[in-house]
């Protein structure tokens, strides 16, 4: 089973302590919203991320699964010339 790639938007700016607890996620802060993007091994791991967000008092405003990354053209043997 492949990992679930996700994007979660939360209200406000997420502090460093909370980010450290979330593990390997990339962070984008815009106005009064923080966008977290990462991968979870399965649905249970994704629910764990949501649970940690709640434990830190963060309000999730949006969450969705991102499409799986397309295979790299070079590794698939496709000719790009």
N, C-alpha and C. Protein backbone atom coordinates (compact mmCIF):
# COMPACT_ATOMS: atom_id res chain seq x y z
N UNK A 1 0.84 -1.17 0.00
CA UNK A 1 0.00 0.00 0.00
C UNK A 1 0.89 1.23 0.00
N UNK A 2 0.54 2.22 -0.84
CA UNK A 2 1.35 3.44 -0.90
C UNK A 2 0.87 4.45 0.13
N UNK A 3 1.75 5.37 0.43
CA UNK A 3 1.45 6.40 1.43
C UNK A 3 0.34 7.33 0.92
N UNK A 4 -0.37 7.93 1.84
CA UNK A 4 -1.39 8.91 1.54
C UNK A 4 -0.74 10.28 1.62
N UNK A 5 -0.77 11.04 0.54
CA UNK A 5 -0.25 12.39 0.56
C UNK A 5 -1.41 13.33 0.85
N UNK A 6 -1.21 14.23 1.80
CA UNK A 6 -2.33 15.06 2.25
C UNK A 6 -1.95 16.52 2.35
N UNK A 7 -2.98 17.36 2.36
CA UNK A 7 -2.83 18.79 2.63
C UNK A 7 -3.88 19.14 3.67
N UNK A 8 -3.45 19.78 4.75
CA UNK A 8 -4.36 20.18 5.82
C UNK A 8 -4.16 21.67 6.06
N UNK A 9 -5.27 22.41 6.08
CA UNK A 9 -5.23 23.85 6.39
C UNK A 9 -5.79 24.06 7.79
N UNK A 10 -5.07 24.84 8.58
CA UNK A 10 -5.51 25.14 9.93
C UNK A 10 -5.55 26.65 10.12
N UNK A 11 -6.41 27.09 11.05
CA UNK A 11 -6.50 28.51 11.37
C UNK A 11 -5.23 28.97 12.07
N UNK A 12 -4.77 30.15 11.72
CA UNK A 12 -3.65 30.76 12.42
C UNK A 12 -2.30 30.22 12.02
N UNK A 13 -1.31 30.69 12.75
CA UNK A 13 0.07 30.27 12.53
C UNK A 13 0.41 29.20 13.56
N UNK A 14 0.95 28.09 13.09
CA UNK A 14 1.29 26.97 13.97
C UNK A 14 2.66 27.21 14.58
N UNK A 15 2.75 27.11 15.91
CA UNK A 15 4.02 27.36 16.59
C UNK A 15 5.01 26.22 16.37
N UNK A 16 6.27 26.50 16.64
CA UNK A 16 7.36 25.53 16.39
C UNK A 16 7.18 24.23 17.18
N UNK A 17 6.72 24.32 18.42
CA UNK A 17 6.51 23.11 19.24
C UNK A 17 5.49 22.19 18.60
N UNK A 18 4.40 22.76 18.12
CA UNK A 18 3.36 21.96 17.47
C UNK A 18 3.88 21.34 16.18
N UNK A 19 4.64 22.12 15.41
CA UNK A 19 5.19 21.61 14.16
C UNK A 19 6.13 20.43 14.42
N UNK A 20 6.94 20.53 15.46
CA UNK A 20 7.87 19.45 15.79
C UNK A 20 7.11 18.17 16.11
N UNK A 21 5.96 18.30 16.75
CA UNK A 21 5.15 17.14 17.12
C UNK A 21 4.48 16.49 15.92
N UNK A 22 4.35 17.23 14.82
CA UNK A 22 3.66 16.71 13.63
C UNK A 22 4.56 15.88 12.74
N UNK A 23 5.85 15.90 12.98
CA UNK A 23 6.76 15.09 12.18
C UNK A 23 7.13 15.75 10.87
N UNK A 24 7.30 14.94 9.85
CA UNK A 24 7.82 15.39 8.56
C UNK A 24 6.70 15.95 7.69
N UNK A 25 6.39 17.23 7.88
CA UNK A 25 5.42 17.91 7.04
C UNK A 25 6.06 19.20 6.53
N UNK A 26 5.68 19.61 5.33
CA UNK A 26 6.13 20.92 4.86
C UNK A 26 5.08 21.94 5.27
N UNK A 27 5.51 23.15 5.51
CA UNK A 27 4.65 24.18 6.08
C UNK A 27 4.67 25.42 5.20
N UNK A 28 3.49 25.94 4.91
CA UNK A 28 3.34 27.22 4.22
C UNK A 28 2.39 28.06 5.05
N UNK A 29 2.80 29.28 5.38
CA UNK A 29 1.94 30.16 6.16
C UNK A 29 1.48 31.30 5.27
N UNK A 30 0.15 31.49 5.22
CA UNK A 30 -0.44 32.55 4.42
C UNK A 30 -1.46 33.29 5.28
N UNK A 31 -1.30 34.59 5.38
CA UNK A 31 -2.22 35.43 6.16
C UNK A 31 -2.51 34.76 7.50
N UNK A 32 -3.72 34.32 7.73
CA UNK A 32 -4.10 33.72 9.01
C UNK A 32 -4.33 32.22 8.87
N UNK A 33 -3.61 31.58 7.94
CA UNK A 33 -3.78 30.15 7.68
C UNK A 33 -2.42 29.49 7.53
N UNK A 34 -2.30 28.28 8.05
CA UNK A 34 -1.11 27.47 7.84
C UNK A 34 -1.50 26.25 7.03
N UNK A 35 -0.72 25.95 5.99
CA UNK A 35 -0.96 24.78 5.15
C UNK A 35 0.12 23.76 5.44
N UNK A 36 -0.29 22.58 5.84
CA UNK A 36 0.63 21.48 6.14
C UNK A 36 0.48 20.44 5.04
N UNK A 37 1.57 20.02 4.46
CA UNK A 37 1.54 19.01 3.41
C UNK A 37 2.50 17.89 3.81
N UNK A 38 2.06 16.66 3.69
CA UNK A 38 2.92 15.56 4.07
C UNK A 38 2.37 14.24 3.59
N UNK A 39 2.95 13.16 4.09
CA UNK A 39 2.52 11.81 3.72
C UNK A 39 2.29 11.02 4.99
N UNK A 40 1.31 10.15 4.95
CA UNK A 40 1.01 9.26 6.06
C UNK A 40 1.00 7.84 5.51
N UNK A 41 1.50 6.90 6.28
CA UNK A 41 1.60 5.52 5.82
C UNK A 41 0.23 4.92 5.48
N UNK A 42 -0.78 5.33 6.24
CA UNK A 42 -2.13 4.80 6.02
C UNK A 42 -3.13 5.72 6.69
N UNK A 43 -4.40 5.34 6.66
CA UNK A 43 -5.45 6.18 7.23
C UNK A 43 -5.27 6.36 8.74
N UNK A 44 -4.84 5.34 9.42
CA UNK A 44 -4.63 5.44 10.87
C UNK A 44 -3.56 6.48 11.19
N UNK A 45 -2.49 6.53 10.40
CA UNK A 45 -1.44 7.53 10.61
C UNK A 45 -1.97 8.93 10.33
N UNK A 46 -2.80 9.08 9.32
CA UNK A 46 -3.40 10.37 9.02
C UNK A 46 -4.30 10.83 10.16
N UNK A 47 -5.07 9.91 10.71
CA UNK A 47 -5.91 10.24 11.86
C UNK A 47 -5.06 10.64 13.06
N UNK A 48 -3.88 10.06 13.18
CA UNK A 48 -2.95 10.45 14.24
C UNK A 48 -2.50 11.89 14.09
N UNK A 49 -2.23 12.32 12.86
CA UNK A 49 -1.85 13.71 12.60
C UNK A 49 -3.00 14.63 13.00
N UNK A 50 -4.22 14.28 12.60
CA UNK A 50 -5.38 15.10 12.96
C UNK A 50 -5.57 15.16 14.47
N UNK A 51 -5.34 14.05 15.14
CA UNK A 51 -5.47 14.00 16.59
C UNK A 51 -4.45 14.92 17.26
N UNK A 52 -3.21 14.93 16.76
CA UNK A 52 -2.18 15.80 17.32
C UNK A 52 -2.51 17.27 17.09
N UNK A 53 -3.08 17.59 15.92
CA UNK A 53 -3.51 18.96 15.66
C UNK A 53 -4.55 19.39 16.70
N UNK A 54 -5.50 18.52 16.94
CA UNK A 54 -6.56 18.83 17.92
C UNK A 54 -5.96 18.99 19.33
N UNK A 55 -5.01 18.12 19.69
CA UNK A 55 -4.38 18.19 21.00
C UNK A 55 -3.66 19.52 21.21
N UNK A 56 -3.19 20.12 20.13
CA UNK A 56 -2.51 21.42 20.21
C UNK A 56 -3.50 22.58 20.11
N UNK A 57 -4.79 22.26 20.04
CA UNK A 57 -5.81 23.31 19.99
C UNK A 57 -5.95 23.98 18.64
N UNK A 58 -5.47 23.32 17.59
CA UNK A 58 -5.53 23.91 16.26
C UNK A 58 -6.85 23.53 15.58
N UNK A 59 -7.42 24.48 14.86
CA UNK A 59 -8.69 24.27 14.18
C UNK A 59 -8.43 23.94 12.71
N UNK A 60 -8.81 22.74 12.29
CA UNK A 60 -8.66 22.33 10.89
C UNK A 60 -9.81 22.95 10.09
N UNK A 61 -9.46 23.69 9.06
CA UNK A 61 -10.49 24.31 8.22
C UNK A 61 -10.70 23.58 6.91
N UNK A 62 -9.70 22.80 6.51
CA UNK A 62 -9.81 22.05 5.25
C UNK A 62 -8.79 20.94 5.24
N UNK A 63 -9.16 19.81 4.65
CA UNK A 63 -8.23 18.70 4.50
C UNK A 63 -8.60 17.95 3.24
N UNK A 64 -7.60 17.59 2.46
CA UNK A 64 -7.86 16.72 1.31
C UNK A 64 -6.63 15.92 0.94
N UNK A 65 -6.92 14.84 0.24
CA UNK A 65 -5.87 13.94 -0.24
C UNK A 65 -5.34 14.50 -1.55
N UNK A 66 -4.03 14.53 -1.69
CA UNK A 66 -3.42 14.98 -2.93
C UNK A 66 -3.22 13.79 -3.85
N UNK A 67 -3.26 14.02 -5.15
CA UNK A 67 -3.03 12.91 -6.09
C UNK A 67 -1.62 12.34 -5.91
N UNK A 68 -1.49 11.07 -6.17
CA UNK A 68 -0.17 10.43 -6.09
C UNK A 68 0.75 11.07 -7.12
N UNK A 69 2.02 11.19 -6.77
CA UNK A 69 3.00 11.78 -7.69
C UNK A 69 3.15 10.90 -8.92
N UNK A 70 3.25 11.54 -10.07
CA UNK A 70 3.45 10.81 -11.31
C UNK A 70 4.85 10.22 -11.33
N UNK A 71 5.01 9.04 -11.92
CA UNK A 71 6.36 8.45 -12.01
C UNK A 71 7.28 9.38 -12.80
N UNK A 72 8.52 9.44 -12.40
CA UNK A 72 9.52 10.26 -13.07
C UNK A 72 9.73 9.71 -14.48
N UNK A 73 9.70 10.60 -15.48
CA UNK A 73 9.83 10.16 -16.87
C UNK A 73 11.16 9.45 -17.12
N UNK A 74 12.25 9.91 -16.45
CA UNK A 74 13.55 9.27 -16.64
C UNK A 74 13.54 7.85 -16.10
N UNK A 75 12.92 7.63 -14.95
CA UNK A 75 12.96 6.29 -14.37
C UNK A 75 12.02 5.34 -15.10
N UNK A 76 11.08 5.87 -15.88
CA UNK A 76 10.16 5.00 -16.59
C UNK A 76 10.71 4.60 -17.95
N UNK A 77 11.85 5.21 -18.33
CA UNK A 77 12.45 4.87 -19.61
C UNK A 77 11.89 5.68 -20.76
N UNK A 78 11.03 6.64 -20.50
CA UNK A 78 10.46 7.47 -21.56
C UNK A 78 11.54 8.37 -22.12
N UNK A 79 11.51 8.58 -23.44
CA UNK A 79 12.46 9.45 -24.11
C UNK A 79 11.91 10.86 -24.08
N UNK A 80 12.65 11.80 -23.45
CA UNK A 80 12.19 13.18 -23.33
C UNK A 80 12.85 14.09 -24.33
N UNK A 81 13.67 13.57 -25.25
CA UNK A 81 14.37 14.40 -26.22
C UNK A 81 13.51 14.75 -27.40
